[in-house]
C-alpha atoms as a PDB file:
ATOM      1  CA  UNK A   1      -3.901  38.655   1.821  1.00  0.00           C
ATOM      2  CA  UNK A   2      -3.310  41.534  -0.587  1.00  0.00           C
ATOM      3  CA  UNK A   3      -6.150  42.785  -2.780  1.00  0.00           C
ATOM      4  CA  UNK A   4      -6.469  41.222  -6.265  1.00  0.00           C
ATOM      5  CA  UNK A   5      -4.742  43.194  -8.999  1.00  0.00           C
ATOM      6  CA  UNK A   6      -2.125  44.695  -6.692  1.00  0.00           C
ATOM      7  CA  UNK A   7       1.512  43.705  -6.708  1.00  0.00           C
ATOM      8  CA  UNK A   8       2.040  41.489  -3.703  1.00  0.00           C
ATOM      9  CA  UNK A   9       5.022  42.047  -1.479  1.00  0.00           C
ATOM     10  CA  UNK A  10       5.926  38.699  -0.004  1.00  0.00           C
ATOM     11  CA  UNK A  11       8.652  37.254   2.167  1.00  0.00           C
ATOM     12  CA  UNK A  12      10.992  34.993   0.190  1.00  0.00           C
ATOM     13  CA  UNK A  13      12.900  32.392   2.169  1.00  0.00           C
ATOM     14  CA  UNK A  14      14.501  28.986   1.778  1.00  0.00           C
ATOM     15  CA  UNK A  15      12.175  26.033   2.062  1.00  0.00           C
ATOM     16  CA  UNK A  16      11.887  24.377   5.471  1.00  0.00           C
ATOM     17  CA  UNK A  17      11.138  20.689   6.017  1.00  0.00           C
ATOM     18  CA  UNK A  18       7.577  21.457   7.122  1.00  0.00           C
ATOM     19  CA  UNK A  19       6.899  23.367   3.856  1.00  0.00           C
ATOM     20  CA  UNK A  20       6.988  20.270   1.669  1.00  0.00           C
ATOM     21  CA  UNK A  21       3.267  19.471   1.721  1.00  0.00           C
ATOM     22  CA  UNK A  22       2.344  23.105   0.969  1.00  0.00           C
ATOM     23  CA  UNK A  23       4.925  23.245  -1.862  1.00  0.00           C
ATOM     24  CA  UNK A  24       3.407  20.089  -3.357  1.00  0.00           C
ATOM     25  CA  UNK A  25      -0.113  21.536  -3.135  1.00  0.00           C
ATOM     26  CA  UNK A  26       0.803  24.986  -4.551  1.00  0.00           C
ATOM     27  CA  UNK A  27       2.726  23.401  -7.434  1.00  0.00           C
ATOM     28  CA  UNK A  28      -0.122  21.019  -8.293  1.00  0.00           C
ATOM     29  CA  UNK A  29      -2.661  23.869  -8.156  1.00  0.00           C
ATOM     30  CA  UNK A  30      -0.489  26.227 -10.231  1.00  0.00           C
ATOM     31  CA  UNK A  31      -0.073  23.761 -13.103  1.00  0.00           C
ATOM     32  CA  UNK A  32      -3.476  22.028 -13.019  1.00  0.00           C
ATOM     33  CA  UNK A  33      -5.192  22.242 -16.403  1.00  0.00           C
ATOM     34  CA  UNK A  34      -2.442  24.273 -18.057  1.00  0.00           C
ATOM     35  CA  UNK A  35      -1.832  23.232 -21.684  1.00  0.00           C
ATOM     36  CA  UNK A  36       1.957  23.420 -21.213  1.00  0.00           C
ATOM     37  CA  UNK A  37       1.966  21.345 -18.025  1.00  0.00           C
ATOM     38  CA  UNK A  38       2.946  17.711 -17.820  1.00  0.00           C
ATOM     39  CA  UNK A  39       0.836  17.257 -14.692  1.00  0.00           C
ATOM     40  CA  UNK A  40       3.724  15.946 -12.623  1.00  0.00           C
ATOM     41  CA  UNK A  41       5.546  19.171 -11.734  1.00  0.00           C
ATOM     42  CA  UNK A  42       4.847  18.666  -8.022  1.00  0.00           C
ATOM     43  CA  UNK A  43       6.289  15.140  -8.225  1.00  0.00           C
ATOM     44  CA  UNK A  44       9.367  16.469 -10.043  1.00  0.00           C
ATOM     45  CA  UNK A  45      10.127  18.843  -7.159  1.00  0.00           C
ATOM     46  CA  UNK A  46       9.869  15.947  -4.693  1.00  0.00           C
ATOM     47  CA  UNK A  47      12.053  13.723  -6.896  1.00  0.00           C
ATOM     48  CA  UNK A  48      14.768  16.378  -7.251  1.00  0.00           C
ATOM     49  CA  UNK A  49      14.731  16.848  -3.464  1.00  0.00           C
ATOM     50  CA  UNK A  50      14.900  13.073  -2.911  1.00  0.00           C
ATOM     51  CA  UNK A  51      17.914  12.808  -5.243  1.00  0.00           C
ATOM     52  CA  UNK A  52      19.738  15.716  -3.591  1.00  0.00           C
ATOM     53  CA  UNK A  53      19.372  17.764  -6.787  1.00  0.00           C
ATOM     54  CA  UNK A  54      17.254  20.604  -5.445  1.00  0.00           C
ATOM     55  CA  UNK A  55      20.064  23.165  -5.220  1.00  0.00           C
ATOM     56  CA  UNK A  56      17.872  26.144  -4.375  1.00  0.00           C
ATOM     57  CA  UNK A  57      14.292  25.841  -3.164  1.00  0.00           C
ATOM     58  CA  UNK A  58      12.651  29.120  -2.224  1.00  0.00           C
ATOM     59  CA  UNK A  59       9.126  29.813  -1.015  1.00  0.00           C
ATOM     60  CA  UNK A  60       7.001  32.949  -1.074  1.00  0.00           C
ATOM     61  CA  UNK A  61       5.098  33.640   2.114  1.00  0.00           C
ATOM     62  CA  UNK A  62       2.113  35.962   2.483  1.00  0.00           C
ATOM     63  CA  UNK A  63       1.951  36.260   6.250  1.00  0.00           C
ATOM     64  CA  UNK A  64       1.797  32.609   7.363  1.00  0.00           C
ATOM     65  CA  UNK A  65       0.554  31.200   4.029  1.00  0.00           C
ATOM     66  CA  UNK A  66       2.900  29.606   1.488  1.00  0.00           C
ATOM     67  CA  UNK A  67       1.749  30.950  -1.888  1.00  0.00           C
ATOM     68  CA  UNK A  68       4.688  30.241  -4.190  1.00  0.00           C
ATOM     69  CA  UNK A  69       7.777  28.160  -4.836  1.00  0.00           C
ATOM     70  CA  UNK A  70      10.740  28.116  -7.211  1.00  0.00           C
ATOM     71  CA  UNK A  71      13.250  25.325  -7.769  1.00  0.00           C
ATOM     72  CA  UNK A  72      16.773  25.488  -9.177  1.00  0.00           C
ATOM     73  CA  UNK A  73      18.700  22.310  -9.941  1.00  0.00           C
ATOM     74  CA  UNK A  74      22.127  21.604 -11.437  1.00  0.00           C
ATOM     75  CA  UNK A  75      22.406  21.154 -15.191  1.00  0.00           C
ATOM     76  CA  UNK A  76      25.415  20.012 -17.166  1.00  0.00           C
ATOM     77  CA  UNK A  77      27.012  21.496 -20.249  1.00  0.00           C
ATOM     78  CA  UNK A  78      28.787  19.236 -22.725  1.00  0.00           C
ATOM     79  CA  UNK A  79      31.981  21.316 -22.487  1.00  0.00           C
ATOM     80  CA  UNK A  80      32.337  20.212 -18.840  1.00  0.00           C
ATOM     81  CA  UNK A  81      32.195  23.718 -17.367  1.00  0.00           C
ATOM     82  CA  UNK A  82      30.132  24.555 -14.316  1.00  0.00           C
ATOM     83  CA  UNK A  83      28.310  25.247 -12.170  1.00  0.00           C
ATOM     84  CA  UNK A  84      25.237  25.815 -14.314  1.00  0.00           C
ATOM     85  CA  UNK A  85      21.660  25.707 -13.007  1.00  0.00           C
ATOM     86  CA  UNK A  86      18.199  25.066 -14.387  1.00  0.00           C
ATOM     87  CA  UNK A  87      15.231  27.141 -13.261  1.00  0.00           C
ATOM     88  CA  UNK A  88      11.927  25.433 -12.726  1.00  0.00           C
ATOM     89  CA  UNK A  89       9.362  24.692 -11.943  1.00  0.00           C
ATOM     90  CA  UNK A  90       8.156  28.015 -10.573  1.00  0.00           C
ATOM     91  CA  UNK A  91       4.690  27.898  -9.023  1.00  0.00           C
ATOM     92  CA  UNK A  92       2.315  30.484  -7.607  1.00  0.00           C
ATOM     93  CA  UNK A  93      -1.076  29.808  -6.071  1.00  0.00           C
ATOM     94  CA  UNK A  94      -3.714  30.572  -8.736  1.00  0.00           C
ATOM     95  CA  UNK A  95      -5.338  33.255  -6.534  1.00  0.00           C
ATOM     96  CA  UNK A  96      -2.021  35.133  -6.416  1.00  0.00           C
ATOM     97  CA  UNK A  97      -0.853  34.782 -10.023  1.00  0.00           C
ATOM     98  CA  UNK A  98      -0.210  37.894 -12.092  1.00  0.00           C
ATOM     99  CA  UNK A  99       0.820  39.927  -9.051  1.00  0.00           C
ATOM    100  CA  UNK A 100       4.606  39.702  -9.176  1.00  0.00           C
ATOM    101  CA  UNK A 101       5.104  36.754  -6.825  1.00  0.00           C
ATOM    102  CA  UNK A 102       6.728  34.537  -9.452  1.00  0.00           C
ATOM    103  CA  UNK A 103       9.053  37.350 -10.471  1.00  0.00           C
ATOM    104  CA  UNK A 104      10.165  37.905  -6.892  1.00  0.00           C
ATOM    105  CA  UNK A 105      10.861  34.179  -6.500  1.00  0.00           C
ATOM    106  CA  UNK A 106      12.803  33.999  -9.766  1.00  0.00           C
ATOM    107  CA  UNK A 107      14.922  37.070  -9.030  1.00  0.00           C
ATOM    108  CA  UNK A 108      15.719  35.864  -5.501  1.00  0.00           C
ATOM    109  CA  UNK A 109      16.753  32.481  -6.891  1.00  0.00           C
ATOM    110  CA  UNK A 110      18.933  34.035  -9.588  1.00  0.00           C
ATOM    111  CA  UNK A 111      20.614  36.189  -6.934  1.00  0.00           C
ATOM    112  CA  UNK A 112      21.228  33.066  -4.818  1.00  0.00           C
ATOM    113  CA  UNK A 113      22.818  31.007  -7.592  1.00  0.00           C
ATOM    114  CA  UNK A 114      24.920  34.007  -8.658  1.00  0.00           C
ATOM    115  CA  UNK A 115      26.242  34.254  -5.085  1.00  0.00           C
ATOM    116  CA  UNK A 116      27.246  30.579  -5.399  1.00  0.00           C
ATOM    117  CA  UNK A 117      29.365  31.294  -8.463  1.00  0.00           C
ATOM    118  CA  UNK A 118      26.934  30.054 -11.118  1.00  0.00           C
ATOM    119  CA  UNK A 119      28.139  30.482 -14.689  1.00  0.00           C
ATOM    120  CA  UNK A 120      24.546  30.802 -15.815  1.00  0.00           C
ATOM    121  CA  UNK A 121      21.015  29.479 -15.751  1.00  0.00           C
ATOM    122  CA  UNK A 122      18.819  27.750 -18.328  1.00  0.00           C
ATOM    123  CA  UNK A 123      15.119  26.997 -18.628  1.00  0.00           C
ATOM    124  CA  UNK A 124      12.426  25.942 -21.011  1.00  0.00           C
ATOM    125  CA  UNK A 125       9.594  28.459 -20.939  1.00  0.00           C
ATOM    126  CA  UNK A 126       7.806  31.434 -22.467  1.00  0.00           C
ATOM    127  CA  UNK A 127      10.408  33.814 -23.956  1.00  0.00           C
ATOM    128  CA  UNK A 128       8.076  36.809 -23.567  1.00  0.00           C
ATOM    129  CA  UNK A 129       7.972  36.227 -19.794  1.00  0.00           C
ATOM    130  CA  UNK A 130      11.555  35.241 -19.057  1.00  0.00           C
ATOM    131  CA  UNK A 131      13.279  37.927 -21.155  1.00  0.00           C
ATOM    132  CA  UNK A 132      12.482  40.419 -18.366  1.00  0.00           C
ATOM    133  CA  UNK A 133      14.995  38.503 -16.225  1.00  0.00           C
ATOM    134  CA  UNK A 134      17.690  38.601 -18.924  1.00  0.00           C
ATOM    135  CA  UNK A 135      17.073  35.180 -20.488  1.00  0.00           C
ATOM    136  CA  UNK A 136      17.605  34.811 -24.233  1.00  0.00           C
ATOM    137  CA  UNK A 137      16.783  32.018 -26.646  1.00  0.00           C
ATOM    138  CA  UNK A 138      19.722  29.630 -26.989  1.00  0.00           C
ATOM    139  CA  UNK A 139      18.956  27.238 -29.868  1.00  0.00           C
ATOM    140  CA  UNK A 140      22.659  26.330 -30.185  1.00  0.00           C
ATOM    141  CA  UNK A 141      22.660  24.985 -26.590  1.00  0.00           C
ATOM    142  CA  UNK A 142      19.287  23.236 -26.479  1.00  0.00           C
ATOM    143  CA  UNK A 143      19.096  19.725 -24.975  1.00  0.00           C
ATOM    144  CA  UNK A 144      17.886  17.156 -27.488  1.00  0.00           C
ATOM    145  CA  UNK A 145      14.634  16.569 -25.573  1.00  0.00           C
ATOM    146  CA  UNK A 146      13.637  20.237 -25.334  1.00  0.00           C
ATOM    147  CA  UNK A 147      11.891  22.528 -27.857  1.00  0.00           C
ATOM    148  CA  UNK A 148      14.413  25.022 -29.261  1.00  0.00           C
ATOM    149  CA  UNK A 149      11.814  27.802 -29.513  1.00  0.00           C
ATOM    150  CA  UNK A 150      11.443  27.800 -25.693  1.00  0.00           C
ATOM    151  CA  UNK A 151      14.949  26.929 -24.466  1.00  0.00           C
ATOM    152  CA  UNK A 152      16.655  29.946 -22.902  1.00  0.00           C
ATOM    153  CA  UNK A 153      19.916  30.904 -21.245  1.00  0.00           C
ATOM    154  CA  UNK A 154      20.991  33.678 -18.905  1.00  0.00           C
ATOM    155  CA  UNK A 155      24.733  34.085 -18.537  1.00  0.00           C
ATOM    156  CA  UNK A 156      25.826  35.100 -15.047  1.00  0.00           C
ATOM    157  CA  UNK A 157      29.600  34.859 -14.585  1.00  0.00           C
ATOM    158  CA  UNK A 158      30.327  33.101 -17.907  1.00  0.00           C
ATOM    159  CA  UNK A 159      31.088  34.995 -21.088  1.00  0.00           C
ATOM    160  CA  UNK A 160      29.570  32.253 -23.234  1.00  0.00           C
ATOM    161  CA  UNK A 161      28.201  28.723 -23.172  1.00  0.00           C
ATOM    162  CA  UNK A 162      29.823  26.313 -25.602  1.00  0.00           C
ATOM    163  CA  UNK A 163      28.001  23.054 -26.040  1.00  0.00           C
ATOM    164  CA  UNK A 164      24.701  21.397 -25.291  1.00  0.00           C
ATOM    165  CA  UNK A 165      22.968  21.521 -21.908  1.00  0.00           C
ATOM    166  CA  UNK A 166      21.346  18.579 -20.167  1.00  0.00           C
ATOM    167  CA  UNK A 167      18.768  18.775 -17.406  1.00  0.00           C
ATOM    168  CA  UNK A 168      18.867  16.163 -14.651  1.00  0.00           C
ATOM    169  CA  UNK A 169      17.327  12.832 -15.781  1.00  0.00           C
ATOM    170  CA  UNK A 170      14.525  13.319 -13.209  1.00  0.00           C
ATOM    171  CA  UNK A 171      12.983  15.830 -15.621  1.00  0.00           C
ATOM    172  CA  UNK A 172      12.309  13.005 -18.060  1.00  0.00           C
ATOM    173  CA  UNK A 173      11.167  10.277 -15.657  1.00  0.00           C
ATOM    174  CA  UNK A 174       7.542   9.243 -15.633  1.00  0.00           C
ATOM    175  CA  UNK A 175       6.502  10.582 -12.247  1.00  0.00           C
ATOM    176  CA  UNK A 176       3.289  10.450 -10.270  1.00  0.00           C
ATOM    177  CA  UNK A 177      -0.078  10.254 -12.012  1.00  0.00           C
END
């Protein structure tokens, strides 16, 4: 594994069926004890997969070890346009955090959804982190169950987004625990 403090260069690839247990473990470890975590992020990934709503699921590999994962799922916009995607959760093994792995996963996922004709991507997260990927606060588009100060949008092929977004209902189910 790369030395702590250095940017890690990893291999990003689509998830394989035998990655599921490692994805679950990395996601649980990445969010454990975080004040912003619901504690069920690993269950959400499984639920989206089970419902056929895991549009893009990429893993970061350091040699033969899975150290990160990012999920993209479809979201809807009240104006009926699409396709739009939601980013998250994104997870990196605690030992590898702060070394660019999450950024590589996010950028690879954004490139993938753009190649699929995505109009844009939304997320709820830290604006200071996600602005580096071109996300901007979008209080006029925020779903009713999300905090406006963290809801963000990145336009890809769309010129604008008119209406309110909605994440898949799995995001609001009581999962796991």
